[in-house]
Amino acid sequence: MPGNGSYLKKHTEALVKDVGIERACELTGKSKATLGRYYSDHEEHADRFMPVDAVAALEAASGHPHVTTALAELKGITLSFDERRRNTDSKGGVNADVIALSQRFAMLMAEYNQSIEDGVITINEAKRLLKETLALQQVLLDMKLHLEEGHS
């Protein structure tokens, strides 16, 4: 894992710094020196990585799953967060999902049309397109779950 090791170490460091070194020590039961070795790029620590239970404890306290995201990216997997905060649970089933899917797709196409109008998609436009794409993906996930519930 020569090339991937430094990538994982960078994300491990970001995780520790996100939580804070003192808090990371408390959560993992590891010393500052030990945590530092997990993300050190020195040759003598090249084969040292944070144990998965420590990663889980830190990611639970973190605002972002730094190491989990890095591992997923190394395997070509994309993670997405479900940040929806609905007032009520949707019980509409597949029919409601189809309607939501068509509405979300229309919103994505409208955003794309507006973004490509000048022939260039800016960073902010790309972020809005990504947000709409993730919302569309979430509707598809909801639909998948409803379909599986109906056929189990």
C-alpha atoms as a PDB file:
ATOM      1  CA  MET A   1       0.000   0.000   0.000  1.00  0.00           C
ATOM      2  CA  PRO A   2       2.893   2.381  -0.723  1.00  0.00           C
ATOM      3  CA  GLY A   3       1.024   5.123  -2.608  1.00  0.00           C
ATOM      4  CA  ASN A   4      -2.191   4.776  -0.656  1.00  0.00           C
ATOM      5  CA  GLY A   5      -0.462   4.869   2.709  1.00  0.00           C
ATOM      6  CA  SER A   6       0.389   8.555   2.562  1.00  0.00           C
ATOM      7  CA  TYR A   7      -3.130   9.323   1.329  1.00  0.00           C
ATOM      8  CA  LEU A   8      -4.649   7.511   4.308  1.00  0.00           C
ATOM      9  CA  LYS A   9      -2.194   9.157   6.691  1.00  0.00           C
ATOM     10  CA  LYS A  10      -3.188  12.620   5.447  1.00  0.00           C
ATOM     11  CA  HIS A  11      -6.843  11.840   6.078  1.00  0.00           C
ATOM     12  CA  THR A  12      -6.020  10.365   9.479  1.00  0.00           C
ATOM     13  CA  GLU A  13      -4.269  13.589  10.374  1.00  0.00           C
ATOM     14  CA  ALA A  14      -7.259  15.625   9.159  1.00  0.00           C
ATOM     15  CA  LEU A  15      -9.529  13.484  11.345  1.00  0.00           C
ATOM     16  CA  VAL A  16      -7.409  13.951  14.461  1.00  0.00           C
ATOM     17  CA  LYS A  17      -7.150  17.702  13.869  1.00  0.00           C
ATOM     18  CA  ASP A  18     -10.893  17.935  13.215  1.00  0.00           C
ATOM     19  CA  VAL A  19     -11.656  16.355  16.580  1.00  0.00           C
ATOM     20  CA  GLY A  20      -8.704  18.022  18.340  1.00  0.00           C
ATOM     21  CA  ILE A  21      -5.654  16.214  19.634  1.00  0.00           C
ATOM     22  CA  GLU A  22      -6.663  16.313  23.314  1.00  0.00           C
ATOM     23  CA  ARG A  23     -10.170  15.027  22.592  1.00  0.00           C
ATOM     24  CA  ALA A  24      -8.747  12.396  20.211  1.00  0.00           C
ATOM     25  CA  CYS A  25      -6.524  11.121  23.011  1.00  0.00           C
ATOM     26  CA  GLU A  26      -9.529  10.848  25.328  1.00  0.00           C
ATOM     27  CA  LEU A  27     -11.706   9.085  22.759  1.00  0.00           C
ATOM     28  CA  THR A  28      -9.112   6.556  21.640  1.00  0.00           C
ATOM     29  CA  GLY A  29      -7.145   6.040  24.844  1.00  0.00           C
ATOM     30  CA  LYS A  30      -3.971   6.736  22.844  1.00  0.00           C
ATOM     31  CA  SER A  31      -1.226   9.228  23.621  1.00  0.00           C
ATOM     32  CA  LYS A  32      -0.422  12.260  21.458  1.00  0.00           C
ATOM     33  CA  ALA A  33       2.772  10.515  20.361  1.00  0.00           C
ATOM     34  CA  THR A  34       0.924   7.367  19.304  1.00  0.00           C
ATOM     35  CA  LEU A  35      -1.705   9.338  17.384  1.00  0.00           C
ATOM     36  CA  GLY A  36       1.088  11.310  15.725  1.00  0.00           C
ATOM     37  CA  ARG A  37       2.752   8.088  14.570  1.00  0.00           C
ATOM     38  CA  TYR A  38      -0.459   7.032  12.831  1.00  0.00           C
ATOM     39  CA  TYR A  39      -0.247   9.976  10.464  1.00  0.00           C
ATOM     40  CA  SER A  40       3.514  10.531  10.414  1.00  0.00           C
ATOM     41  CA  ASP A  41       5.126  10.404   6.981  1.00  0.00           C
ATOM     42  CA  HIS A  42       8.507   9.418   8.422  1.00  0.00           C
ATOM     43  CA  GLU A  43       9.930   6.177   7.056  1.00  0.00           C
ATOM     44  CA  GLU A  44       9.960   4.453  10.471  1.00  0.00           C
ATOM     45  CA  HIS A  45       6.162   4.916  10.774  1.00  0.00           C
ATOM     46  CA  ALA A  46       5.260   4.032   7.174  1.00  0.00           C
ATOM     47  CA  ASP A  47       3.545   0.788   8.195  1.00  0.00           C
ATOM     48  CA  ARG A  48       1.664   2.213  11.226  1.00  0.00           C
ATOM     49  CA  PHE A  49      -2.022   2.999  10.769  1.00  0.00           C
ATOM     50  CA  MET A  50      -4.781   3.884  13.185  1.00  0.00           C
ATOM     51  CA  PRO A  51      -6.866   0.890  14.312  1.00  0.00           C
ATOM     52  CA  VAL A  52     -10.393   0.804  12.951  1.00  0.00           C
ATOM     53  CA  ASP A  53     -12.004   1.111  16.404  1.00  0.00           C
ATOM     54  CA  ALA A  54     -10.077   4.337  16.998  1.00  0.00           C
ATOM     55  CA  VAL A  55     -11.123   5.647  13.573  1.00  0.00           C
ATOM     56  CA  ALA A  56     -14.754   4.835  14.372  1.00  0.00           C
ATOM     57  CA  ALA A  57     -14.583   6.614  17.728  1.00  0.00           C
ATOM     58  CA  LEU A  58     -13.042   9.720  16.185  1.00  0.00           C
ATOM     59  CA  GLU A  59     -15.375   9.815  13.204  1.00  0.00           C
ATOM     60  CA  ALA A  60     -18.360   9.615  15.553  1.00  0.00           C
ATOM     61  CA  ALA A  61     -17.091  12.818  17.205  1.00  0.00           C
ATOM     62  CA  SER A  62     -16.028  14.457  13.950  1.00  0.00           C
ATOM     63  CA  GLY A  63     -18.059  16.529  11.563  1.00  0.00           C
ATOM     64  CA  HIS A  64     -16.854  14.401   8.634  1.00  0.00           C
ATOM     65  CA  PRO A  65     -15.811  10.742   8.168  1.00  0.00           C
ATOM     66  CA  HIS A  66     -12.329  11.605   6.878  1.00  0.00           C
ATOM     67  CA  VAL A  67     -10.758   8.125   6.864  1.00  0.00           C
ATOM     68  CA  THR A  68     -13.905   6.300   5.761  1.00  0.00           C
ATOM     69  CA  THR A  69     -14.233   8.696   2.834  1.00  0.00           C
ATOM     70  CA  ALA A  70     -10.578   8.165   1.914  1.00  0.00           C
ATOM     71  CA  LEU A  71     -10.984   4.381   1.994  1.00  0.00           C
ATOM     72  CA  ALA A  72     -14.105   4.611  -0.146  1.00  0.00           C
ATOM     73  CA  GLU A  73     -12.356   6.866  -2.659  1.00  0.00           C
ATOM     74  CA  LEU A  74      -9.463   4.411  -2.941  1.00  0.00           C
ATOM     75  CA  LYS A  75     -11.980   1.738  -3.972  1.00  0.00           C
ATOM     76  CA  GLY A  76     -13.793   4.074  -6.380  1.00  0.00           C
ATOM     77  CA  ILE A  77     -16.821   4.351  -4.110  1.00  0.00           C
ATOM     78  CA  THR A  78     -18.671   7.612  -3.599  1.00  0.00           C
ATOM     79  CA  LEU A  79     -20.292   8.351  -0.258  1.00  0.00           C
ATOM     80  CA  SER A  80     -23.124  10.803   0.179  1.00  0.00           C
ATOM     81  CA  PHE A  81     -24.687  12.265   3.276  1.00  0.00           C
ATOM     82  CA  ASP A  82     -28.422  12.329   3.818  1.00  0.00           C
ATOM     83  CA  GLU A  83     -28.765  15.778   5.329  1.00  0.00           C
ATOM     84  CA  ARG A  84     -32.500  15.986   4.821  1.00  0.00           C
ATOM     85  CA  ARG A  85     -34.363  17.052   7.896  1.00  0.00           C
ATOM     86  CA  ARG A  86     -37.972  16.251   7.166  1.00  0.00           C
ATOM     87  CA  ASN A  87     -40.790  17.264   9.481  1.00  0.00           C
ATOM     88  CA  THR A  88     -42.599  13.981   8.800  1.00  0.00           C
ATOM     89  CA  ASP A  89     -41.630  10.592   7.424  1.00  0.00           C
ATOM     90  CA  SER A  90     -42.667  10.025   3.831  1.00  0.00           C
ATOM     91  CA  LYS A  91     -44.997   7.038   3.573  1.00  0.00           C
ATOM     92  CA  GLY A  92     -46.013   7.673  -0.041  1.00  0.00           C
ATOM     93  CA  GLY A  93     -44.251   4.624  -1.419  1.00  0.00           C
ATOM     94  CA  VAL A  94     -43.180   4.091  -4.999  1.00  0.00           C
ATOM     95  CA  ASN A  95     -45.788   6.402  -6.553  1.00  0.00           C
ATOM     96  CA  ALA A  96     -44.618   9.332  -4.443  1.00  0.00           C
ATOM     97  CA  ASP A  97     -41.017   8.416  -5.268  1.00  0.00           C
ATOM     98  CA  VAL A  98     -41.727   8.534  -9.016  1.00  0.00           C
ATOM     99  CA  ILE A  99     -43.212  12.018  -8.621  1.00  0.00           C
ATOM    100  CA  ALA A 100     -40.285  13.166  -6.480  1.00  0.00           C
ATOM    101  CA  LEU A 101     -37.874  11.651  -9.003  1.00  0.00           C
ATOM    102  CA  SER A 102     -39.388  13.550 -11.910  1.00  0.00           C
ATOM    103  CA  GLN A 103     -39.407  16.792  -9.898  1.00  0.00           C
ATOM    104  CA  ARG A 104     -35.767  16.378  -8.844  1.00  0.00           C
ATOM    105  CA  PHE A 105     -34.715  15.530 -12.390  1.00  0.00           C
ATOM    106  CA  ALA A 106     -36.502  18.641 -13.654  1.00  0.00           C
ATOM    107  CA  MET A 107     -34.657  20.719 -11.049  1.00  0.00           C
ATOM    108  CA  LEU A 108     -31.335  19.191 -12.102  1.00  0.00           C
ATOM    109  CA  MET A 109     -32.011  19.919 -15.772  1.00  0.00           C
ATOM    110  CA  ALA A 110     -33.059  23.488 -14.987  1.00  0.00           C
ATOM    111  CA  GLU A 111     -29.863  24.006 -12.996  1.00  0.00           C
ATOM    112  CA  TYR A 112     -27.812  22.487 -15.814  1.00  0.00           C
ATOM    113  CA  ASN A 113     -29.511  24.661 -18.422  1.00  0.00           C
ATOM    114  CA  GLN A 114     -28.793  27.778 -16.391  1.00  0.00           C
ATOM    115  CA  SER A 115     -25.195  26.698 -15.723  1.00  0.00           C
ATOM    116  CA  ILE A 116     -24.297  25.910 -19.331  1.00  0.00           C
ATOM    117  CA  GLU A 117     -25.937  29.041 -20.748  1.00  0.00           C
ATOM    118  CA  ASP A 118     -22.615  30.878 -21.162  1.00  0.00           C
ATOM    119  CA  GLY A 119     -20.771  27.735 -22.274  1.00  0.00           C
ATOM    120  CA  VAL A 120     -18.800  27.393 -19.024  1.00  0.00           C
ATOM    121  CA  ILE A 121     -19.753  25.691 -15.784  1.00  0.00           C
ATOM    122  CA  THR A 122     -18.185  27.631 -12.911  1.00  0.00           C
ATOM    123  CA  ILE A 123     -17.186  26.086  -9.602  1.00  0.00           C
ATOM    124  CA  ASN A 124     -20.285  27.453  -7.875  1.00  0.00           C
ATOM    125  CA  GLU A 125     -22.492  26.144 -10.674  1.00  0.00           C
ATOM    126  CA  ALA A 126     -20.802  22.749 -10.418  1.00  0.00           C
ATOM    127  CA  LYS A 127     -21.468  22.722  -6.670  1.00  0.00           C
ATOM    128  CA  ARG A 128     -25.161  23.454  -7.265  1.00  0.00           C
ATOM    129  CA  LEU A 129     -25.298  20.703  -9.913  1.00  0.00           C
ATOM    130  CA  LEU A 130     -23.636  18.291  -7.504  1.00  0.00           C
ATOM    131  CA  LYS A 131     -26.141  19.179  -4.802  1.00  0.00           C
ATOM    132  CA  GLU A 132     -29.038  18.496  -7.183  1.00  0.00           C
ATOM    133  CA  THR A 133     -27.410  15.256  -8.347  1.00  0.00           C
ATOM    134  CA  LEU A 134     -27.058  14.067  -4.755  1.00  0.00           C
ATOM    135  CA  ALA A 135     -30.696  14.953  -4.058  1.00  0.00           C
ATOM    136  CA  LEU A 136     -31.702  12.942  -7.131  1.00  0.00           C
ATOM    137  CA  GLN A 137     -29.566  10.049  -5.920  1.00  0.00           C
ATOM    138  CA  GLN A 138     -31.314  10.157  -2.541  1.00  0.00           C
ATOM    139  CA  VAL A 139     -34.729   9.954  -4.197  1.00  0.00           C
ATOM    140  CA  LEU A 140     -33.517   6.895  -6.123  1.00  0.00           C
ATOM    141  CA  LEU A 141     -32.309   5.334  -2.861  1.00  0.00           C
ATOM    142  CA  ASP A 142     -35.706   5.984  -1.250  1.00  0.00           C
ATOM    143  CA  MET A 143     -37.389   4.421  -4.267  1.00  0.00           C
ATOM    144  CA  LYS A 144     -35.088   1.393  -4.099  1.00  0.00           C
ATOM    145  CA  LEU A 145     -35.912   0.898  -0.414  1.00  0.00           C
ATOM    146  CA  HIS A 146     -39.650   1.192  -1.071  1.00  0.00           C
ATOM    147  CA  LEU A 147     -39.409  -1.339  -3.902  1.00  0.00           C
ATOM    148  CA  GLU A 148     -37.451  -3.753  -1.724  1.00  0.00           C
ATOM    149  CA  GLU A 149     -39.985  -3.386   1.100  1.00  0.00           C
ATOM    150  CA  GLY A 150     -42.791  -4.214  -1.297  1.00  0.00           C
ATOM    151  CA  HIS A 151     -41.092  -7.307  -2.666  1.00  0.00           C
ATOM    152  CA  SER A 152     -39.551  -8.843   0.464  1.00  0.00           C
END
